[in-house]
C-alpha atoms as a PDB file:
ATOM      1  CA  MET A   1     -57.838 -14.004  -7.815  1.00  0.00           C
ATOM      2  CA  ALA A   2     -54.081 -14.241  -7.436  1.00  0.00           C
ATOM      3  CA  LYS A   3     -51.249 -11.779  -7.634  1.00  0.00           C
ATOM      4  CA  LEU A   4     -48.783 -12.174 -10.492  1.00  0.00           C
ATOM      5  CA  ARG A   5     -45.890 -12.214  -8.032  1.00  0.00           C
ATOM      6  CA  ASP A   6     -47.462 -15.206  -6.219  1.00  0.00           C
ATOM      7  CA  LEU A   7     -47.776 -17.148  -9.470  1.00  0.00           C
ATOM      8  CA  LEU A   8     -44.186 -16.372 -10.463  1.00  0.00           C
ATOM      9  CA  ALA A   9     -42.900 -17.339  -6.991  1.00  0.00           C
ATOM     10  CA  PHE A  10     -44.804 -20.642  -7.233  1.00  0.00           C
ATOM     11  CA  LEU A  11     -43.310 -21.384 -10.655  1.00  0.00           C
ATOM     12  CA  ARG A  12     -39.783 -20.473  -9.517  1.00  0.00           C
ATOM     13  CA  ALA A  13     -40.155 -22.818  -6.533  1.00  0.00           C
ATOM     14  CA  LYS A  14     -41.069 -25.591  -8.996  1.00  0.00           C
ATOM     15  CA  GLY A  15     -37.925 -24.980 -11.073  1.00  0.00           C
ATOM     16  CA  TRP A  16     -39.301 -22.642 -13.761  1.00  0.00           C
ATOM     17  CA  SER A  17     -37.415 -19.586 -14.996  1.00  0.00           C
ATOM     18  CA  GLU A  18     -37.986 -16.815 -17.488  1.00  0.00           C
ATOM     19  CA  TYR A  19     -35.789 -17.231 -20.511  1.00  0.00           C
ATOM     20  CA  ARG A  20     -37.280 -15.233 -23.353  1.00  0.00           C
ATOM     21  CA  HIS A  21     -39.209 -12.012 -23.845  1.00  0.00           C
ATOM     22  CA  GLU A  22     -41.807 -11.910 -26.568  1.00  0.00           C
ATOM     23  CA  ASN A  23     -43.149  -8.694 -28.034  1.00  0.00           C
ATOM     24  CA  GLY A  24     -44.846  -6.430 -25.539  1.00  0.00           C
ATOM     25  CA  SER A  25     -45.767  -7.850 -22.176  1.00  0.00           C
ATOM     26  CA  HIS A  26     -45.434 -11.569 -22.906  1.00  0.00           C
ATOM     27  CA  ARG A  27     -42.675 -13.673 -21.365  1.00  0.00           C
ATOM     28  CA  VAL A  28     -41.772 -17.285 -22.090  1.00  0.00           C
ATOM     29  CA  TRP A  29     -40.943 -19.400 -19.057  1.00  0.00           C
ATOM     30  CA  GLY A  30     -39.224 -22.758 -19.260  1.00  0.00           C
ATOM     31  CA  HIS A  31     -38.749 -25.767 -17.022  1.00  0.00           C
ATOM     32  CA  PRO A  32     -35.576 -27.884 -17.023  1.00  0.00           C
ATOM     33  CA  ASP A  33     -37.585 -30.832 -18.386  1.00  0.00           C
ATOM     34  CA  GLY A  34     -38.399 -28.860 -21.566  1.00  0.00           C
ATOM     35  CA  ARG A  35     -41.927 -27.606 -20.827  1.00  0.00           C
ATOM     36  CA  GLN A  36     -42.667 -24.008 -21.877  1.00  0.00           C
ATOM     37  CA  ILE A  37     -45.448 -21.567 -21.063  1.00  0.00           C
ATOM     38  CA  THR A  38     -46.127 -17.986 -22.113  1.00  0.00           C
ATOM     39  CA  ILE A  39     -47.310 -15.545 -19.454  1.00  0.00           C
ATOM     40  CA  ALA A  40     -48.607 -12.018 -19.992  1.00  0.00           C
ATOM     41  CA  ILE A  41     -46.878  -9.778 -17.453  1.00  0.00           C
ATOM     42  CA  HIS A  42     -49.043  -6.935 -16.150  1.00  0.00           C
ATOM     43  CA  PRO A  43     -47.487  -5.706 -12.880  1.00  0.00           C
ATOM     44  CA  GLY A  44     -49.949  -4.674 -10.209  1.00  0.00           C
ATOM     45  CA  LYS A  45     -52.887  -6.508 -11.771  1.00  0.00           C
ATOM     46  CA  GLU A  46     -54.458  -9.637 -10.376  1.00  0.00           C
ATOM     47  CA  ILE A  47     -54.915 -12.787 -12.443  1.00  0.00           C
ATOM     48  CA  ASP A  48     -58.511 -13.992 -12.622  1.00  0.00           C
ATOM     49  CA  ARG A  49     -59.254 -17.581 -11.641  1.00  0.00           C
ATOM     50  CA  PRO A  50     -59.916 -18.965 -15.175  1.00  0.00           C
ATOM     51  CA  THR A  51     -56.681 -17.468 -16.523  1.00  0.00           C
ATOM     52  CA  LEU A  52     -54.710 -18.730 -13.520  1.00  0.00           C
ATOM     53  CA  ALA A  53     -56.173 -22.218 -14.012  1.00  0.00           C
ATOM     54  CA  LYS A  54     -55.166 -22.221 -17.695  1.00  0.00           C
ATOM     55  CA  ILE A  55     -51.595 -21.101 -16.957  1.00  0.00           C
ATOM     56  CA  LEU A  56     -51.224 -23.722 -14.227  1.00  0.00           C
ATOM     57  CA  LYS A  57     -52.712 -26.455 -16.441  1.00  0.00           C
ATOM     58  CA  GLN A  58     -50.234 -25.627 -19.220  1.00  0.00           C
ATOM     59  CA  ALA A  59     -47.432 -25.841 -16.649  1.00  0.00           C
ATOM     60  CA  GLY A  60     -48.712 -29.188 -15.361  1.00  0.00           C
ATOM     61  CA  TYR A  61     -50.166 -28.069 -12.013  1.00  0.00           C
ATOM     62  CA  SER A  62     -53.625 -27.648 -10.521  1.00  0.00           C
ATOM     63  CA  LEU A  63     -55.295 -24.768  -8.721  1.00  0.00           C
ATOM     64  CA  LYS A  64     -55.303 -26.954  -5.600  1.00  0.00           C
ATOM     65  CA  GLU A  65     -51.497 -27.286  -5.747  1.00  0.00           C
ATOM     66  CA  PHE A  66     -51.162 -23.525  -6.159  1.00  0.00           C
ATOM     67  CA  TRP A  67     -53.478 -22.614  -3.271  1.00  0.00           C
ATOM     68  CA  ASN A  68     -51.959 -25.262  -0.944  1.00  0.00           C
ATOM     69  CA  ARG A  69     -48.343 -24.306  -1.568  1.00  0.00           C
END
């Protein structure tokens, strides 16, 4: 399991930034090359491994890249 703040720090280090809020707890993050992902923001909660893998896959990264950062 991973902390939300660790995922967001990883994405920021790769050039991603939050640029739009959806309804409720969802945020859209974008990369300068045009890729977009939607992340549910639940502060204080951990992200389970399958969900983390899906978010990273949509962003173009692997779990291995995340854990070896």
